[in-house]
Amino acid sequence: MTIPTLPLNNGTSIPQLGLGTSPLDDTDVERVIIEAVEIGYRHVDTAAKYGNEVGVGRGLRNSGIARGDVFVTTKLDGPYQGEDRAIAGLDASLERLGLEYVDLLLIHWPLPARGEFVSTWRTFEKLAADGKARAIGVSNFKPAHLDRLIGETGTTPAVNQIQLSPAITRREQRQYNAEHGIVTESWSPLGSGTDLLASPVLAEIGRKYDKSPGQVVLRWHLDNGLVAIPRSANPQRLAQNIDVFDFALDADDLAALDTLDQGPDAGVDSDRSGH
């Protein structure tokens, strides 16, 4: 199986489907990653805040996969915001992961009240120049935060990772990202915290393709040009989540899924989220 990739604005690319690892601990995440790599996953998402980078690194090493064949993302949160603080933060993450570089480094959230995300971004630029991060991006940033970031530094994030699903579509955010060449990556792509997967609309579309509601939702992400990182520790669900490349949604399906949008106020406040 070859998972499709999307180009990033720095010339690299990102697998369109990956494995989210929150809230797994070191022991569980090691097992899950070994199982995931065996069935075809090539993209793993973690964060300093998750407290599982050691297990992620062990899982990658014990899976036997070559470093160049897997895309690894980590994120740095509040303690690492501010001038040069992310240097020690990423060094510590790399030591825990047992890696020399990450493929994508994200600011975990903007924390605009602190006013440090621009200086943090300048530090990220240094880390990218040093080869410790192949690409740099952000998570939970709104257009106003991105406007300031781009305006003051001249460097556009490669990725913005946000809460996104057919129940929480964030159309304006996605349009902004697309217009600026930023790939939109979906956390909680299966609508965690909502009743999305119980929708009769998803059940009906699933019967049409002999797929589960969750598989229909993940196909929605792919067909909309998004990156999705579903999380699961269940081997059967892991296999199901990656079995979404043998069908595509048609215009009627997409129109039906549009009815599931809960509106612009759905989801968590990105200023406070710590997924």
C-alpha atoms as a PDB file:
ATOM      1  CA  MET A   1       0.000   0.000   0.000  1.00  0.00           C
ATOM      2  CA  THR A   2       1.229   3.469  -0.914  1.00  0.00           C
ATOM      3  CA  ILE A   3      -0.375   6.292   1.028  1.00  0.00           C
ATOM      4  CA  PRO A   4      -0.723   9.426  -1.131  1.00  0.00           C
ATOM      5  CA  THR A   5       1.242  12.508  -0.148  1.00  0.00           C
ATOM      6  CA  LEU A   6       0.612  16.231  -0.373  1.00  0.00           C
ATOM      7  CA  PRO A   7       3.370  18.699  -1.300  1.00  0.00           C
ATOM      8  CA  LEU A   8       4.511  21.166   1.340  1.00  0.00           C
ATOM      9  CA  ASN A   9       5.553  24.715   0.558  1.00  0.00           C
ATOM     10  CA  ASN A  10       9.233  24.021   1.296  1.00  0.00           C
ATOM     11  CA  GLY A  11       9.580  21.265  -1.304  1.00  0.00           C
ATOM     12  CA  THR A  12       9.001  18.290   0.997  1.00  0.00           C
ATOM     13  CA  SER A  13       5.788  16.261   1.225  1.00  0.00           C
ATOM     14  CA  ILE A  14       3.539  14.769   3.893  1.00  0.00           C
ATOM     15  CA  PRO A  15       1.598  11.471   3.861  1.00  0.00           C
ATOM     16  CA  GLN A  16      -2.095  12.270   3.727  1.00  0.00           C
ATOM     17  CA  LEU A  17      -3.015   9.731   6.412  1.00  0.00           C
ATOM     18  CA  GLY A  18      -1.118   9.238   9.645  1.00  0.00           C
ATOM     19  CA  LEU A  19      -1.339   7.959  13.196  1.00  0.00           C
ATOM     20  CA  GLY A  20      -2.257  10.248  16.085  1.00  0.00           C
ATOM     21  CA  THR A  21      -0.739   9.158  19.411  1.00  0.00           C
ATOM     22  CA  SER A  22      -2.491  11.236  22.108  1.00  0.00           C
ATOM     23  CA  PRO A  23      -3.267  10.125  24.849  1.00  0.00           C
ATOM     24  CA  LEU A  24      -1.244   6.887  24.626  1.00  0.00           C
ATOM     25  CA  ASP A  25       1.553   6.387  27.151  1.00  0.00           C
ATOM     26  CA  ASP A  26       5.049   5.164  26.300  1.00  0.00           C
ATOM     27  CA  THR A  27       4.216   1.484  26.680  1.00  0.00           C
ATOM     28  CA  ASP A  28       0.995   1.496  24.683  1.00  0.00           C
ATOM     29  CA  VAL A  29       2.289   3.769  21.945  1.00  0.00           C
ATOM     30  CA  GLU A  30       5.301   1.524  21.312  1.00  0.00           C
ATOM     31  CA  ARG A  31       3.017  -1.432  20.623  1.00  0.00           C
ATOM     32  CA  VAL A  32       0.629   0.585  18.504  1.00  0.00           C
ATOM     33  CA  ILE A  33       3.378   2.018  16.328  1.00  0.00           C
ATOM     34  CA  ILE A  34       4.878  -1.402  15.662  1.00  0.00           C
ATOM     35  CA  GLU A  35       1.433  -2.683  14.610  1.00  0.00           C
ATOM     36  CA  ALA A  36       0.716   0.443  12.570  1.00  0.00           C
ATOM     37  CA  VAL A  37       3.982   0.314  10.636  1.00  0.00           C
ATOM     38  CA  GLU A  38       3.414  -3.364   9.884  1.00  0.00           C
ATOM     39  CA  ILE A  39       0.077  -2.631   8.180  1.00  0.00           C
ATOM     40  CA  GLY A  40       1.317   0.346   6.217  1.00  0.00           C
ATOM     41  CA  TYR A  41       1.309   3.549   8.280  1.00  0.00           C
ATOM     42  CA  ARG A  42       4.206   5.846   7.411  1.00  0.00           C
ATOM     43  CA  HIS A  43       3.284   8.997   9.342  1.00  0.00           C
ATOM     44  CA  VAL A  44       3.333   9.370  13.143  1.00  0.00           C
ATOM     45  CA  ASP A  45       2.222  12.446  15.097  1.00  0.00           C
ATOM     46  CA  THR A  46       3.322  13.119  18.660  1.00  0.00           C
ATOM     47  CA  ALA A  47       4.096  16.105  20.917  1.00  0.00           C
ATOM     48  CA  ALA A  48       6.211  17.006  23.910  1.00  0.00           C
ATOM     49  CA  LYS A  49       2.968  17.544  25.842  1.00  0.00           C
ATOM     50  CA  TYR A  50       1.784  13.982  25.172  1.00  0.00           C
ATOM     51  CA  GLY A  51       4.590  12.522  27.290  1.00  0.00           C
ATOM     52  CA  ASN A  52       5.045   9.588  24.920  1.00  0.00           C
ATOM     53  CA  GLU A  53       7.968  10.561  22.696  1.00  0.00           C
ATOM     54  CA  VAL A  54      10.192   7.894  24.293  1.00  0.00           C
ATOM     55  CA  GLY A  55       7.648   5.219  23.405  1.00  0.00           C
ATOM     56  CA  VAL A  56       7.203   6.618  19.909  1.00  0.00           C
ATOM     57  CA  GLY A  57      10.940   6.384  19.348  1.00  0.00           C
ATOM     58  CA  ARG A  58      11.093   2.832  20.688  1.00  0.00           C
ATOM     59  CA  GLY A  59       8.178   1.834  18.494  1.00  0.00           C
ATOM     60  CA  LEU A  60       9.817   3.221  15.383  1.00  0.00           C
ATOM     61  CA  ARG A  61      13.132   1.500  16.120  1.00  0.00           C
ATOM     62  CA  ASN A  62      11.529  -1.821  17.015  1.00  0.00           C
ATOM     63  CA  SER A  63       9.310  -1.727  13.938  1.00  0.00           C
ATOM     64  CA  GLY A  64      12.417  -2.058  11.794  1.00  0.00           C
ATOM     65  CA  ILE A  65      11.357   0.747   9.465  1.00  0.00           C
ATOM     66  CA  ALA A  66      14.101   2.854   7.898  1.00  0.00           C
ATOM     67  CA  ARG A  67      14.173   6.437   9.152  1.00  0.00           C
ATOM     68  CA  GLY A  68      13.712   7.854   5.672  1.00  0.00           C
ATOM     69  CA  ASP A  69      10.532   5.828   5.164  1.00  0.00           C
ATOM     70  CA  VAL A  70       8.519   7.358   8.002  1.00  0.00           C
ATOM     71  CA  PHE A  71       7.292  10.926   8.520  1.00  0.00           C
ATOM     72  CA  VAL A  72       7.515  12.038  12.165  1.00  0.00           C
ATOM     73  CA  THR A  73       5.828  15.135  13.591  1.00  0.00           C
ATOM     74  CA  THR A  74       6.268  16.562  17.054  1.00  0.00           C
ATOM     75  CA  LYS A  75       4.934  19.724  18.657  1.00  0.00           C
ATOM     76  CA  LEU A  76       6.334  22.120  21.260  1.00  0.00           C
ATOM     77  CA  ASP A  77       3.920  23.744  23.712  1.00  0.00           C
ATOM     78  CA  GLY A  78       3.913  26.735  26.046  1.00  0.00           C
ATOM     79  CA  PRO A  79       7.147  26.184  28.038  1.00  0.00           C
ATOM     80  CA  TYR A  80       9.120  26.361  24.791  1.00  0.00           C
ATOM     81  CA  GLN A  81       7.649  29.631  23.527  1.00  0.00           C
ATOM     82  CA  GLY A  82       9.929  32.653  23.488  1.00  0.00           C
ATOM     83  CA  GLU A  83      13.295  33.584  22.039  1.00  0.00           C
ATOM     84  CA  ASP A  84      15.397  30.441  21.448  1.00  0.00           C
ATOM     85  CA  ARG A  85      13.527  28.312  24.017  1.00  0.00           C
ATOM     86  CA  ALA A  86      12.476  25.898  21.283  1.00  0.00           C
ATOM     87  CA  ILE A  87      16.116  24.978  20.627  1.00  0.00           C
ATOM     88  CA  ALA A  88      16.449  23.122  23.911  1.00  0.00           C
ATOM     89  CA  GLY A  89      12.848  21.937  23.547  1.00  0.00           C
ATOM     90  CA  LEU A  90      13.459  20.234  20.217  1.00  0.00           C
ATOM     91  CA  ASP A  91      16.824  18.859  21.340  1.00  0.00           C
ATOM     92  CA  ALA A  92      15.047  17.191  24.265  1.00  0.00           C
ATOM     93  CA  SER A  93      12.319  15.835  21.977  1.00  0.00           C
ATOM     94  CA  LEU A  94      14.902  14.446  19.558  1.00  0.00           C
ATOM     95  CA  GLU A  95      16.732  12.772  22.434  1.00  0.00           C
ATOM     96  CA  ARG A  96      13.511  11.184  23.663  1.00  0.00           C
ATOM     97  CA  LEU A  97      12.609  10.088  20.142  1.00  0.00           C
ATOM     98  CA  GLY A  98      16.109   8.849  19.395  1.00  0.00           C
ATOM     99  CA  LEU A  99      16.134  10.821  16.134  1.00  0.00           C
ATOM    100  CA  GLU A 100      18.455  13.344  14.529  1.00  0.00           C
ATOM    101  CA  TYR A 101      15.591  15.327  13.005  1.00  0.00           C
ATOM    102  CA  VAL A 102      11.816  15.460  12.756  1.00  0.00           C
ATOM    103  CA  ASP A 103      10.015  15.794   9.448  1.00  0.00           C
ATOM    104  CA  LEU A 104       7.624  18.397  10.837  1.00  0.00           C
ATOM    105  CA  LEU A 105       7.851  20.607  13.917  1.00  0.00           C
ATOM    106  CA  LEU A 106       4.738  22.495  15.048  1.00  0.00           C
ATOM    107  CA  ILE A 107       4.021  25.268  17.530  1.00  0.00           C
ATOM    108  CA  HIS A 108       1.356  23.431  19.532  1.00  0.00           C
ATOM    109  CA  TRP A 109      -0.922  26.466  19.928  1.00  0.00           C
ATOM    110  CA  PRO A 110      -0.478  30.235  19.612  1.00  0.00           C
ATOM    111  CA  LEU A 111      -1.167  31.357  23.203  1.00  0.00           C
ATOM    112  CA  PRO A 112      -1.730  34.900  21.868  1.00  0.00           C
ATOM    113  CA  ALA A 113      -2.066  36.462  25.322  1.00  0.00           C
ATOM    114  CA  ARG A 114       1.612  35.675  25.921  1.00  0.00           C
ATOM    115  CA  GLY A 115       2.617  37.264  22.611  1.00  0.00           C
ATOM    116  CA  GLU A 116       5.541  34.904  22.046  1.00  0.00           C
ATOM    117  CA  PHE A 117       4.503  32.930  19.003  1.00  0.00           C
ATOM    118  CA  VAL A 118       6.376  35.184  16.541  1.00  0.00           C
ATOM    119  CA  SER A 119       9.673  34.931  18.431  1.00  0.00           C
ATOM    120  CA  THR A 120       9.074  31.192  18.727  1.00  0.00           C
ATOM    121  CA  TRP A 121       8.558  31.000  14.981  1.00  0.00           C
ATOM    122  CA  ARG A 122      11.869  32.764  14.386  1.00  0.00           C
ATOM    123  CA  THR A 123      13.502  30.070  16.499  1.00  0.00           C
ATOM    124  CA  PHE A 124      11.733  27.417  14.417  1.00  0.00           C
ATOM    125  CA  GLU A 125      13.275  29.016  11.322  1.00  0.00           C
ATOM    126  CA  LYS A 126      16.719  28.490  12.885  1.00  0.00           C
ATOM    127  CA  LEU A 127      15.906  24.862  13.688  1.00  0.00           C
ATOM    128  CA  ALA A 128      14.855  24.267  10.097  1.00  0.00           C
ATOM    129  CA  ALA A 129      18.028  25.922   8.805  1.00  0.00           C
ATOM    130  CA  ASP A 130      20.067  23.644  11.095  1.00  0.00           C
ATOM    131  CA  GLY A 131      18.347  20.554   9.657  1.00  0.00           C
ATOM    132  CA  LYS A 132      16.715  19.506  12.919  1.00  0.00           C
ATOM    133  CA  ALA A 133      13.250  19.967  11.389  1.00  0.00           C
ATOM    134  CA  ARG A 134      12.638  19.262   7.713  1.00  0.00           C
ATOM    135  CA  ALA A 135       9.508  21.433   7.742  1.00  0.00           C
ATOM    136  CA  ILE A 136       7.930  23.785  10.278  1.00  0.00           C
ATOM    137  CA  GLY A 137       4.316  24.638  10.923  1.00  0.00           C
ATOM    138  CA  VAL A 138       1.708  25.470  13.516  1.00  0.00           C
ATOM    139  CA  SER A 139      -1.272  23.965  15.289  1.00  0.00           C
ATOM    140  CA  ASN A 140      -4.526  25.623  16.346  1.00  0.00           C
ATOM    141  CA  PHE A 141      -3.646  28.922  14.662  1.00  0.00           C
ATOM    142  CA  LYS A 142      -6.429  31.174  13.405  1.00  0.00           C
ATOM    143  CA  PRO A 143      -6.081  33.456  10.345  1.00  0.00           C
ATOM    144  CA  ALA A 144      -5.295  36.499  12.522  1.00  0.00           C
ATOM    145  CA  HIS A 145      -2.391  34.629  14.141  1.00  0.00           C
ATOM    146  CA  LEU A 146      -1.142  33.486  10.760  1.00  0.00           C
ATOM    147  CA  ASP A 147      -1.385  36.985   9.299  1.00  0.00           C
ATOM    148  CA  ARG A 148       0.872  38.297  12.039  1.00  0.00           C
ATOM    149  CA  LEU A 149       3.278  35.380  11.801  1.00  0.00           C
ATOM    150  CA  ILE A 150       3.691  35.671   8.041  1.00  0.00           C
ATOM    151  CA  GLY A 151       3.719  39.474   8.057  1.00  0.00           C
ATOM    152  CA  GLU A 152       6.450  39.772  10.683  1.00  0.00           C
ATOM    153  CA  THR A 153       8.716  36.923   9.560  1.00  0.00           C
ATOM    154  CA  GLY A 154       8.051  36.420   5.853  1.00  0.00           C
ATOM    155  CA  THR A 155       7.938  32.641   6.367  1.00  0.00           C
ATOM    156  CA  THR A 156       4.642  30.836   5.785  1.00  0.00           C
ATOM    157  CA  PRO A 157       3.981  27.693   7.844  1.00  0.00           C
ATOM    158  CA  ALA A 158       3.957  24.481   5.859  1.00  0.00           C
ATOM    159  CA  VAL A 159       1.075  23.027   7.890  1.00  0.00           C
ATOM    160  CA  ASN A 160      -1.678  24.192  10.228  1.00  0.00           C
ATOM    161  CA  GLN A 161      -3.018  21.321  12.318  1.00  0.00           C
ATOM    162  CA  ILE A 162      -6.541  22.074  13.555  1.00  0.00           C
ATOM    163  CA  GLN A 163      -9.589  20.280  14.923  1.00  0.00           C
ATOM    164  CA  LEU A 164     -11.536  19.287  11.841  1.00  0.00           C
ATOM    165  CA  SER A 165     -14.212  16.802  10.764  1.00  0.00           C
ATOM    166  CA  PRO A 166     -17.483  16.797   8.811  1.00  0.00           C
ATOM    167  CA  ALA A 167     -19.092  18.054  12.044  1.00  0.00           C
ATOM    168  CA  ILE A 168     -16.497  20.832  12.456  1.00  0.00           C
ATOM    169  CA  THR A 169     -15.554  21.853   8.919  1.00  0.00           C
ATOM    170  CA  ARG A 170     -13.859  25.235   9.462  1.00  0.00           C
ATOM    171  CA  ARG A 171     -14.384  26.216   5.828  1.00  0.00           C
ATOM    172  CA  GLU A 172     -13.035  29.767   6.196  1.00  0.00           C
ATOM    173  CA  GLN A 173      -9.916  28.496   7.956  1.00  0.00           C
ATOM    174  CA  ARG A 174      -9.341  25.907   5.234  1.00  0.00           C
ATOM    175  CA  GLN A 175      -9.823  28.498   2.520  1.00  0.00           C
ATOM    176  CA  TYR A 176      -7.316  30.815   4.181  1.00  0.00           C
ATOM    177  CA  ASN A 177      -4.786  27.985   4.449  1.00  0.00           C
ATOM    178  CA  ALA A 178      -5.273  27.002   0.809  1.00  0.00           C
ATOM    179  CA  GLU A 179      -4.862  30.582  -0.395  1.00  0.00           C
ATOM    180  CA  HIS A 180      -1.565  30.846   1.475  1.00  0.00           C
ATOM    181  CA  GLY A 181      -0.166  27.462   0.448  1.00  0.00           C
ATOM    182  CA  ILE A 182      -0.586  25.966   3.916  1.00  0.00           C
ATOM    183  CA  VAL A 183      -1.608  22.301   4.160  1.00  0.00           C
ATOM    184  CA  THR A 184      -4.517  21.763   6.555  1.00  0.00           C
ATOM    185  CA  GLU A 185      -4.079  18.784   8.867  1.00  0.00           C
ATOM    186  CA  SER A 186      -7.023  17.449  10.878  1.00  0.00           C
ATOM    187  CA  TRP A 187      -6.743  16.421  14.499  1.00  0.00           C
ATOM    188  CA  SER A 188      -9.704  14.462  15.912  1.00  0.00           C
ATOM    189  CA  PRO A 189     -10.680  13.764  12.274  1.00  0.00           C
ATOM    190  CA  LEU A 190     -13.334  11.250  13.362  1.00  0.00           C
ATOM    191  CA  GLY A 191     -15.175  13.852  15.416  1.00  0.00           C
ATOM    192  CA  SER A 192     -14.134  12.901  18.940  1.00  0.00           C
ATOM    193  CA  GLY A 193     -16.461  14.568  21.422  1.00  0.00           C
ATOM    194  CA  THR A 194     -19.347  14.680  18.953  1.00  0.00           C
ATOM    195  CA  ASP A 195     -21.950  12.139  17.860  1.00  0.00           C
ATOM    196  CA  LEU A 196     -20.665  12.272  14.292  1.00  0.00           C
ATOM    197  CA  LEU A 197     -20.073   8.551  13.771  1.00  0.00           C
ATOM    198  CA  ALA A 198     -23.663   7.753  14.816  1.00  0.00           C
ATOM    199  CA  SER A 199     -25.059   9.815  11.947  1.00  0.00           C
ATOM    200  CA  PRO A 200     -27.551   7.997   9.673  1.00  0.00           C
ATOM    201  CA  VAL A 201     -25.998   9.905   6.756  1.00  0.00           C
ATOM    202  CA  LEU A 202     -22.670   8.184   7.358  1.00  0.00           C
ATOM    203  CA  ALA A 203     -24.341   4.808   7.797  1.00  0.00           C
ATOM    204  CA  GLU A 204     -26.132   5.176   4.456  1.00  0.00           C
ATOM    205  CA  ILE A 205     -22.993   6.205   2.580  1.00  0.00           C
ATOM    206  CA  GLY A 206     -21.083   3.404   4.289  1.00  0.00           C
ATOM    207  CA  ARG A 207     -23.562   0.820   3.013  1.00  0.00           C
ATOM    208  CA  LYS A 208     -23.093   2.177  -0.499  1.00  0.00           C
ATOM    209  CA  TYR A 209     -19.357   1.406  -0.410  1.00  0.00           C
ATOM    210  CA  ASP A 210     -19.336  -1.406   2.171  1.00  0.00           C
ATOM    211  CA  LYS A 211     -17.390   0.829   4.542  1.00  0.00           C
ATOM    212  CA  SER A 212     -17.806   1.888   8.166  1.00  0.00           C
ATOM    213  CA  PRO A 213     -18.886   5.423   9.160  1.00  0.00           C
ATOM    214  CA  GLY A 214     -15.326   6.111  10.294  1.00  0.00           C
ATOM    215  CA  GLN A 215     -13.925   5.051   6.932  1.00  0.00           C
ATOM    216  CA  VAL A 216     -16.382   7.345   5.165  1.00  0.00           C
ATOM    217  CA  VAL A 217     -15.250  10.242   7.352  1.00  0.00           C
ATOM    218  CA  LEU A 218     -11.574   9.584   6.646  1.00  0.00           C
ATOM    219  CA  ARG A 219     -12.329   9.399   2.930  1.00  0.00           C
ATOM    220  CA  TRP A 220     -14.015  12.822   3.274  1.00  0.00           C
ATOM    221  CA  HIS A 221     -10.722  14.223   4.584  1.00  0.00           C
ATOM    222  CA  LEU A 222      -8.756  12.690   1.720  1.00  0.00           C
ATOM    223  CA  ASP A 223     -11.199  13.861  -0.942  1.00  0.00           C
ATOM    224  CA  ASN A 224     -11.022  17.390   0.471  1.00  0.00           C
ATOM    225  CA  GLY A 225      -7.234  17.513   0.202  1.00  0.00           C
ATOM    226  CA  LEU A 226      -6.667  17.324   3.955  1.00  0.00           C
ATOM    227  CA  VAL A 227      -4.190  15.356   6.054  1.00  0.00           C
ATOM    228  CA  ALA A 228      -5.850  13.207   8.733  1.00  0.00           C
ATOM    229  CA  ILE A 229      -4.249  11.659  11.828  1.00  0.00           C
ATOM    230  CA  PRO A 230      -6.836   9.366  13.456  1.00  0.00           C
ATOM    231  CA  ARG A 231      -5.800   7.811  16.743  1.00  0.00           C
ATOM    232  CA  SER A 232      -6.559   4.317  17.986  1.00  0.00           C
ATOM    233  CA  ALA A 233      -4.918   1.618  20.078  1.00  0.00           C
ATOM    234  CA  ASN A 234      -7.218  -1.092  18.696  1.00  0.00           C
ATOM    235  CA  PRO A 235      -5.549  -3.287  16.034  1.00  0.00           C
ATOM    236  CA  GLN A 236      -8.807  -3.795  14.124  1.00  0.00           C
ATOM    237  CA  ARG A 237      -9.527  -0.061  14.104  1.00  0.00           C
ATOM    238  CA  LEU A 238      -5.965   0.703  13.020  1.00  0.00           C
ATOM    239  CA  ALA A 239      -6.430  -1.583  10.028  1.00  0.00           C
ATOM    240  CA  GLN A 240      -9.863  -0.140   9.278  1.00  0.00           C
ATOM    241  CA  ASN A 241      -8.615   3.446   9.391  1.00  0.00           C
ATOM    242  CA  ILE A 242      -5.994   2.809   6.733  1.00  0.00           C
ATOM    243  CA  ASP A 243      -8.323   0.811   4.479  1.00  0.00           C
ATOM    244  CA  VAL A 244      -9.747   3.883   2.740  1.00  0.00           C
ATOM    245  CA  PHE A 245      -7.908   4.005  -0.566  1.00  0.00           C
ATOM    246  CA  ASP A 246     -10.165   1.747  -2.646  1.00  0.00           C
ATOM    247  CA  PHE A 247     -13.127   4.120  -2.977  1.00  0.00           C
ATOM    248  CA  ALA A 248     -13.894   7.818  -3.366  1.00  0.00           C
ATOM    249  CA  LEU A 249     -16.922   9.898  -2.444  1.00  0.00           C
ATOM    250  CA  ASP A 250     -19.027  11.347  -5.242  1.00  0.00           C
ATOM    251  CA  ALA A 251     -20.711  14.744  -5.407  1.00  0.00           C
ATOM    252  CA  ASP A 252     -23.934  13.444  -3.849  1.00  0.00           C
ATOM    253  CA  ASP A 253     -22.001  11.936  -0.942  1.00  0.00           C
ATOM    254  CA  LEU A 254     -20.138  15.178  -0.307  1.00  0.00           C
ATOM    255  CA  ALA A 255     -23.363  17.177  -0.437  1.00  0.00           C
ATOM    256  CA  ALA A 256     -24.936  14.827   2.104  1.00  0.00           C
ATOM    257  CA  LEU A 257     -21.925  15.145   4.379  1.00  0.00           C
ATOM    258  CA  ASP A 258     -22.216  18.931   4.222  1.00  0.00           C
ATOM    259  CA  THR A 259     -25.430  18.613   6.245  1.00  0.00           C
ATOM    260  CA  LEU A 260     -23.447  17.341   9.248  1.00  0.00           C
ATOM    261  CA  ASP A 261     -21.622  20.638   9.846  1.00  0.00           C
ATOM    262  CA  GLN A 262     -22.455  21.935  13.325  1.00  0.00           C
ATOM    263  CA  GLY A 263     -21.463  25.514  12.483  1.00  0.00           C
ATOM    264  CA  PRO A 264     -18.492  27.832  13.000  1.00  0.00           C
ATOM    265  CA  ASP A 265     -18.740  27.812  16.805  1.00  0.00           C
ATOM    266  CA  ALA A 266     -18.395  24.032  17.120  1.00  0.00           C
ATOM    267  CA  GLY A 267     -15.260  22.489  18.598  1.00  0.00           C
ATOM    268  CA  VAL A 268     -12.773  23.686  21.184  1.00  0.00           C
ATOM    269  CA  ASP A 269     -11.243  27.124  21.529  1.00  0.00           C
ATOM    270  CA  SER A 270      -7.890  26.790  19.793  1.00  0.00           C
ATOM    271  CA  ASP A 271      -6.337  29.259  22.219  1.00  0.00           C
ATOM    272  CA  ARG A 272      -6.790  26.754  25.020  1.00  0.00           C
ATOM    273  CA  SER A 273      -6.665  23.386  23.295  1.00  0.00           C
ATOM    274  CA  GLY A 274      -3.905  20.929  24.089  1.00  0.00           C
ATOM    275  CA  HIS A 275      -4.907  17.902  22.044  1.00  0.00           C
END
